[in-house]
């Protein structure tokens, strides 16, 4: 199905909702089946493909993505919509969020002043290798939904040192979230001229987690094996979970894997040069 949205909510209004979860009156349409959405000027906004990943590939990747729930972060309160509190001199979230990053990352402030592979990739290469076939199939969905954007992103990949690219895909980095309903946000650091892709895996019975794009007043209800392709620089967020049956992760679970190209990777040199740079700065 192809849809052309006729109106837009001002970005300034979407910005006011930042850090809050979507409400029911923020959207007027929910996509449940394959769909391609275009802006009034013809710009490709989003593509949804149901059951887009081959079942055997999906089930082979699932236990490894499920295992990654052990990695948590305490500094993503704005992403999850959690309230913050002052702990000593530090503003901290009330609880940890099950999220981690895989693949590659550019230099990040003074803590990591060099391009590098993530800890997940370095410390658990067997887990990383196990999910790569699934990542490649997500890349194929990207190619099918938005061929022009895919071609553009692959051109940038061709100009990038292959050491910083995930296999034969247009992606450098993954963010893996376990049972996290994201508040409204814009992804930071993504390639603005490209697109990202999100895969969802789910187990058990629950409702909620619809992904809402308030600017165009529509939402996407994603099921196991579904993939969406969109520009994550747009404001987006999830409805909270409701009517969940049993305990989180044990009885029900929703894993989202976001695939994207970090724009900072374009400035990365070869691994050897990055290592030399890190040594000169005393970072390693």
Protein backbone atom coordinates (compact mmCIF):
# COMPACT_ATOMS: atom_id res chain seq x y z
CA UNK A 1 0.00 0.00 0.00
CA UNK A 2 1.18 3.51 -0.82
CA UNK A 3 0.10 6.50 1.25
CA UNK A 4 0.80 10.18 0.68
CA UNK A 5 0.26 12.17 3.85
CA UNK A 6 -1.57 15.45 3.26
CA UNK A 7 -0.54 17.50 6.28
CA UNK A 8 2.25 17.86 8.79
CA UNK A 9 2.49 18.76 12.45
CA UNK A 10 5.03 21.58 12.93
CA UNK A 11 8.40 20.32 14.11
CA UNK A 12 8.28 22.91 16.89
CA UNK A 13 5.22 21.13 18.30
CA UNK A 14 6.96 17.74 18.11
CA UNK A 15 9.94 19.21 19.94
CA UNK A 16 7.70 20.20 22.85
CA UNK A 17 6.78 16.54 23.27
CA UNK A 18 10.43 15.45 23.51
CA UNK A 19 11.06 13.07 26.42
CA UNK A 20 7.36 12.19 26.71
CA UNK A 21 5.57 9.12 25.43
CA UNK A 22 3.14 9.43 22.49
CA UNK A 23 -0.54 9.82 23.24
CA UNK A 24 -3.46 8.41 21.28
CA UNK A 25 -4.40 11.76 19.74
CA UNK A 26 -0.92 12.20 18.25
CA UNK A 27 -1.77 9.93 15.30
CA UNK A 28 -4.77 9.23 13.13
CA UNK A 29 -3.63 6.06 11.33
CA UNK A 30 -1.92 2.84 12.43
CA UNK A 31 -0.12 0.70 9.85
CA UNK A 32 -0.41 -3.06 10.39
CA UNK A 33 0.57 -4.33 6.92
CA UNK A 34 3.15 -3.60 4.23
CA UNK A 35 3.10 0.11 3.49
CA UNK A 36 5.14 2.92 1.92
CA UNK A 37 4.56 6.44 3.21
CA UNK A 38 5.44 9.61 1.31
CA UNK A 39 5.41 13.27 2.36
CA UNK A 40 3.29 15.78 0.39
CA UNK A 41 6.38 16.74 -1.67
CA UNK A 42 7.03 13.11 -2.63
CA UNK A 43 9.83 12.49 -0.13
CA UNK A 44 9.96 8.89 1.04
CA UNK A 45 9.13 8.87 4.75
CA UNK A 46 8.84 5.25 5.83
CA UNK A 47 8.44 1.69 4.63
CA UNK A 48 7.07 -1.23 6.66
CA UNK A 49 7.56 -4.85 5.64
CA UNK A 50 5.81 -7.56 7.62
CA UNK A 51 7.67 -10.80 8.36
CA UNK A 52 10.56 -9.48 6.31
CA UNK A 53 13.27 -11.75 7.75
CA UNK A 54 13.45 -15.42 6.84
CA UNK A 55 12.19 -17.47 9.77
CA UNK A 56 15.32 -19.60 10.22
CA UNK A 57 17.59 -16.53 10.14
CA UNK A 58 15.38 -14.71 12.63
CA UNK A 59 15.24 -17.62 15.06
CA UNK A 60 19.01 -18.13 14.83
CA UNK A 61 19.62 -14.49 15.77
CA UNK A 62 16.98 -14.25 18.50
CA UNK A 63 18.80 -16.02 21.37
CA UNK A 64 21.83 -13.78 20.89
CA UNK A 65 19.81 -10.56 20.85
CA UNK A 66 17.90 -11.91 23.87
CA UNK A 67 21.21 -12.55 25.66
CA UNK A 68 22.22 -8.92 25.12
CA UNK A 69 19.53 -7.82 27.61
CA UNK A 70 22.24 -8.22 30.29
CA UNK A 71 23.83 -4.96 29.11
CA UNK A 72 22.17 -1.95 30.66
CA UNK A 73 22.61 1.81 30.66
CA UNK A 74 21.76 4.34 33.35
CA UNK A 75 22.11 7.46 31.18
CA UNK A 76 19.24 7.09 28.71
CA UNK A 77 16.47 8.54 30.82
CA UNK A 78 15.44 10.95 28.08
CA UNK A 79 15.20 8.10 25.58
CA UNK A 80 13.06 5.89 27.80
CA UNK A 81 11.04 8.70 29.38
CA UNK A 82 12.22 7.75 32.86
CA UNK A 83 12.31 10.40 35.54
CA UNK A 84 15.72 11.52 36.80
CA UNK A 85 16.99 12.09 40.31
CA UNK A 86 20.11 13.59 41.83
CA UNK A 87 22.48 10.95 43.22
CA UNK A 88 25.34 12.70 44.93
CA UNK A 89 26.44 15.23 42.33
CA UNK A 90 25.17 13.20 39.40
CA UNK A 91 21.77 13.36 37.73
CA UNK A 92 20.79 9.73 37.25
CA UNK A 93 17.76 7.83 35.98
CA UNK A 94 15.57 5.96 38.43
CA UNK A 95 16.36 2.62 36.85
CA UNK A 96 18.65 1.07 34.26
CA UNK A 97 17.55 0.58 30.66
CA UNK A 98 18.38 -2.64 28.79
CA UNK A 99 20.16 -1.22 25.77
CA UNK A 100 23.56 -1.70 24.15
CA UNK A 101 25.46 -0.75 21.01
CA UNK A 102 27.17 -3.09 18.56
CA UNK A 103 29.40 -2.50 15.56
CA UNK A 104 31.56 0.58 15.26
CA UNK A 105 31.68 4.08 16.72
CA UNK A 106 33.55 7.28 15.97
CA UNK A 107 35.68 9.18 18.48
CA UNK A 108 33.53 10.26 21.37
CA UNK A 109 34.59 13.29 23.42
CA UNK A 110 37.61 12.69 25.64
CA UNK A 111 36.61 9.21 26.80
CA UNK A 112 37.22 7.54 23.42
CA UNK A 113 39.21 9.97 21.25
CA UNK A 114 39.52 7.48 18.40
CA UNK A 115 37.34 5.33 16.13
CA UNK A 116 36.81 1.87 17.50
CA UNK A 117 34.87 -1.38 17.53
CA UNK A 118 32.31 -1.59 20.34
CA UNK A 119 32.86 -3.73 23.41
CA UNK A 120 30.07 -6.07 22.32
CA UNK A 121 31.89 -6.88 19.10
CA UNK A 122 35.34 -7.17 20.71
CA UNK A 123 34.36 -9.18 23.78
CA UNK A 124 31.69 -11.41 22.24
CA UNK A 125 32.68 -12.06 18.61
CA UNK A 126 30.73 -15.32 18.48
CA UNK A 127 27.49 -13.49 19.36
CA UNK A 128 28.27 -10.82 16.80
CA UNK A 129 28.94 -13.32 14.02
CA UNK A 130 25.69 -15.12 14.81
CA UNK A 131 23.53 -12.05 14.15
CA UNK A 132 25.27 -10.89 10.94
CA UNK A 133 23.04 -12.92 8.55
CA UNK A 134 20.03 -11.19 10.10
CA UNK A 135 21.67 -7.78 9.69
CA UNK A 136 22.29 -8.52 6.01
CA UNK A 137 18.63 -9.40 5.46
CA UNK A 138 17.59 -6.13 7.09
CA UNK A 139 19.91 -4.38 4.63
CA UNK A 140 18.07 -6.10 1.77
CA UNK A 141 14.76 -4.74 3.09
CA UNK A 142 16.30 -1.26 3.06
CA UNK A 143 17.33 -1.77 -0.56
CA UNK A 144 13.84 -2.90 -1.57
CA UNK A 145 11.99 -0.10 0.23
CA UNK A 146 14.19 2.88 -0.61
CA UNK A 147 16.55 1.98 -3.48
CA UNK A 148 17.68 5.59 -4.09
CA UNK A 149 18.54 6.14 -0.43
CA UNK A 150 20.21 2.73 -0.29
CA UNK A 151 22.36 3.58 -3.31
CA UNK A 152 23.35 6.91 -1.76
CA UNK A 153 24.29 5.28 1.54
CA UNK A 154 26.26 2.53 -0.18
CA UNK A 155 28.19 5.22 -2.04
CA UNK A 156 29.20 6.65 1.31
CA UNK A 157 30.09 3.15 2.46
CA UNK A 158 32.36 2.76 -0.57
CA UNK A 159 34.26 5.84 0.60
CA UNK A 160 34.58 4.47 4.14
CA UNK A 161 37.36 2.19 5.35
CA UNK A 162 35.71 -1.27 5.26
CA UNK A 163 36.96 -1.95 8.78
CA UNK A 164 34.20 0.35 10.08
CA UNK A 165 31.29 -1.11 8.09
CA UNK A 166 29.15 -4.09 9.10
CA UNK A 167 29.77 -6.71 6.42
CA UNK A 168 28.23 -5.93 3.04
CA UNK A 169 25.60 -3.61 4.43
CA UNK A 170 24.98 0.16 4.50
CA UNK A 171 25.31 0.12 8.30
CA UNK A 172 28.12 0.83 10.75
CA UNK A 173 26.28 0.45 14.03
CA UNK A 174 23.39 -1.30 15.80
CA UNK A 175 21.46 -0.28 18.91
CA UNK A 176 19.76 -3.21 20.63
CA UNK A 177 16.92 -2.44 23.06
CA UNK A 178 15.10 -4.97 25.22
CA UNK A 179 11.58 -4.03 26.37
CA UNK A 180 12.30 -0.30 26.12
CA UNK A 181 9.39 1.94 25.14
CA UNK A 182 11.18 5.00 23.82
CA UNK A 183 9.88 8.47 24.58
CA UNK A 184 9.82 10.98 21.74
CA UNK A 185 13.34 11.68 20.50
CA UNK A 186 15.49 12.26 17.45
CA UNK A 187 18.39 9.88 16.97
CA UNK A 188 21.66 11.75 17.30
CA UNK A 189 24.68 11.08 15.14
CA UNK A 190 22.93 9.24 12.31
CA UNK A 191 23.67 10.06 8.68
CA UNK A 192 21.01 12.68 7.94
CA UNK A 193 21.03 12.09 4.19
CA UNK A 194 20.54 8.35 4.63
CA UNK A 195 18.05 6.12 6.40
CA UNK A 196 18.01 3.61 9.18
CA UNK A 197 16.16 0.33 9.59
CA UNK A 198 14.60 -1.23 12.66
CA UNK A 199 13.85 -4.92 13.23
CA UNK A 200 11.46 -6.07 15.95
CA UNK A 201 11.39 -9.44 17.67
CA UNK A 202 8.66 -10.23 20.15
CA UNK A 203 7.53 -13.03 22.44
CA UNK A 204 4.46 -13.49 24.60
CA UNK A 205 1.30 -11.42 24.90
CA UNK A 206 1.13 -7.66 25.29
CA UNK A 207 -0.22 -4.55 23.61
CA UNK A 208 1.40 -1.21 23.01
CA UNK A 209 4.83 -0.22 21.72
CA UNK A 210 3.36 1.27 18.53
CA UNK A 211 6.01 3.47 16.90
CA UNK A 212 4.55 6.95 16.42
CA UNK A 213 5.79 9.54 13.90
CA UNK A 214 3.93 12.63 15.18
CA UNK A 215 5.05 14.94 12.37
CA UNK A 216 2.95 12.92 9.91
CA UNK A 217 0.35 11.73 12.45
CA UNK A 218 0.72 8.01 11.91
CA UNK A 219 1.91 4.98 13.85
CA UNK A 220 3.29 1.55 13.02
CA UNK A 221 2.34 -1.60 14.93
CA UNK A 222 5.31 -3.96 14.53
CA UNK A 223 5.21 -7.72 15.03
CA UNK A 224 7.83 -10.47 15.16
CA UNK A 225 10.17 -10.23 12.18
CA UNK A 226 8.84 -6.90 10.90
CA UNK A 227 11.23 -4.25 9.57
CA UNK A 228 10.70 -0.54 9.07
CA UNK A 229 12.97 1.73 7.03
CA UNK A 230 12.88 5.42 7.93
CA UNK A 231 14.98 8.46 8.72
CA UNK A 232 15.44 8.35 12.51
CA UNK A 233 16.24 12.06 12.56
CA UNK A 234 12.45 12.52 12.49
CA UNK A 235 10.78 12.76 15.89
CA UNK A 236 9.54 9.31 16.93
CA UNK A 237 8.64 7.35 20.03
CA UNK A 238 6.74 4.33 21.36
CA UNK A 239 3.41 4.06 23.09
CA UNK A 240 3.85 2.46 26.55
CA UNK A 241 3.23 -1.25 26.95
CA UNK A 242 -0.21 -2.27 28.23
CA UNK A 243 -1.97 -5.55 29.03
CA UNK A 244 1.30 -7.46 29.27
CA UNK A 245 0.78 -11.07 30.34
CA UNK A 246 3.24 -12.16 33.02
CA UNK A 247 6.75 -10.91 33.74
CA UNK A 248 8.82 -8.77 31.40
CA UNK A 249 11.49 -10.74 29.48
CA UNK A 250 10.45 -14.01 31.17
CA UNK A 251 6.88 -14.20 29.79
CA UNK A 252 6.83 -11.38 27.25
CA UNK A 253 9.55 -9.53 25.42
CA UNK A 254 10.05 -6.94 22.69
CA UNK A 255 13.50 -6.52 21.19
CA UNK A 256 14.16 -3.70 18.75
CA UNK A 257 17.37 -3.60 16.74
CA UNK A 258 18.11 -0.27 15.08
CA UNK A 259 20.54 -0.36 12.13
CA UNK A 260 22.21 2.85 10.95
CA UNK A 261 25.30 4.60 9.62
CA UNK A 262 27.06 6.87 12.13
CA UNK A 263 27.90 10.10 10.31
CA UNK A 264 31.09 10.47 12.40
CA UNK A 265 32.47 7.28 10.83
CA UNK A 266 33.13 9.26 7.64
CA UNK A 267 36.06 10.87 9.46
CA UNK A 268 37.61 7.60 10.64
CA UNK A 269 41.02 6.61 9.30
CA UNK A 270 42.31 3.04 9.04
CA UNK A 271 42.38 0.99 12.27
CA UNK A 272 46.17 1.26 12.29
CA UNK A 273 46.04 5.04 12.01
CA UNK A 274 43.34 5.25 14.68
CA UNK A 275 45.42 3.09 17.04
CA UNK A 276 48.45 5.28 16.46
CA UNK A 277 46.32 8.35 17.14
CA UNK A 278 45.07 6.82 20.39
CA UNK A 279 48.62 5.99 21.51
CA UNK A 280 49.78 9.52 20.81
CA UNK A 281 46.96 10.84 22.98
CA UNK A 282 47.69 8.32 25.73
CA UNK A 283 44.22 6.81 25.35
CA UNK A 284 45.56 3.23 25.15
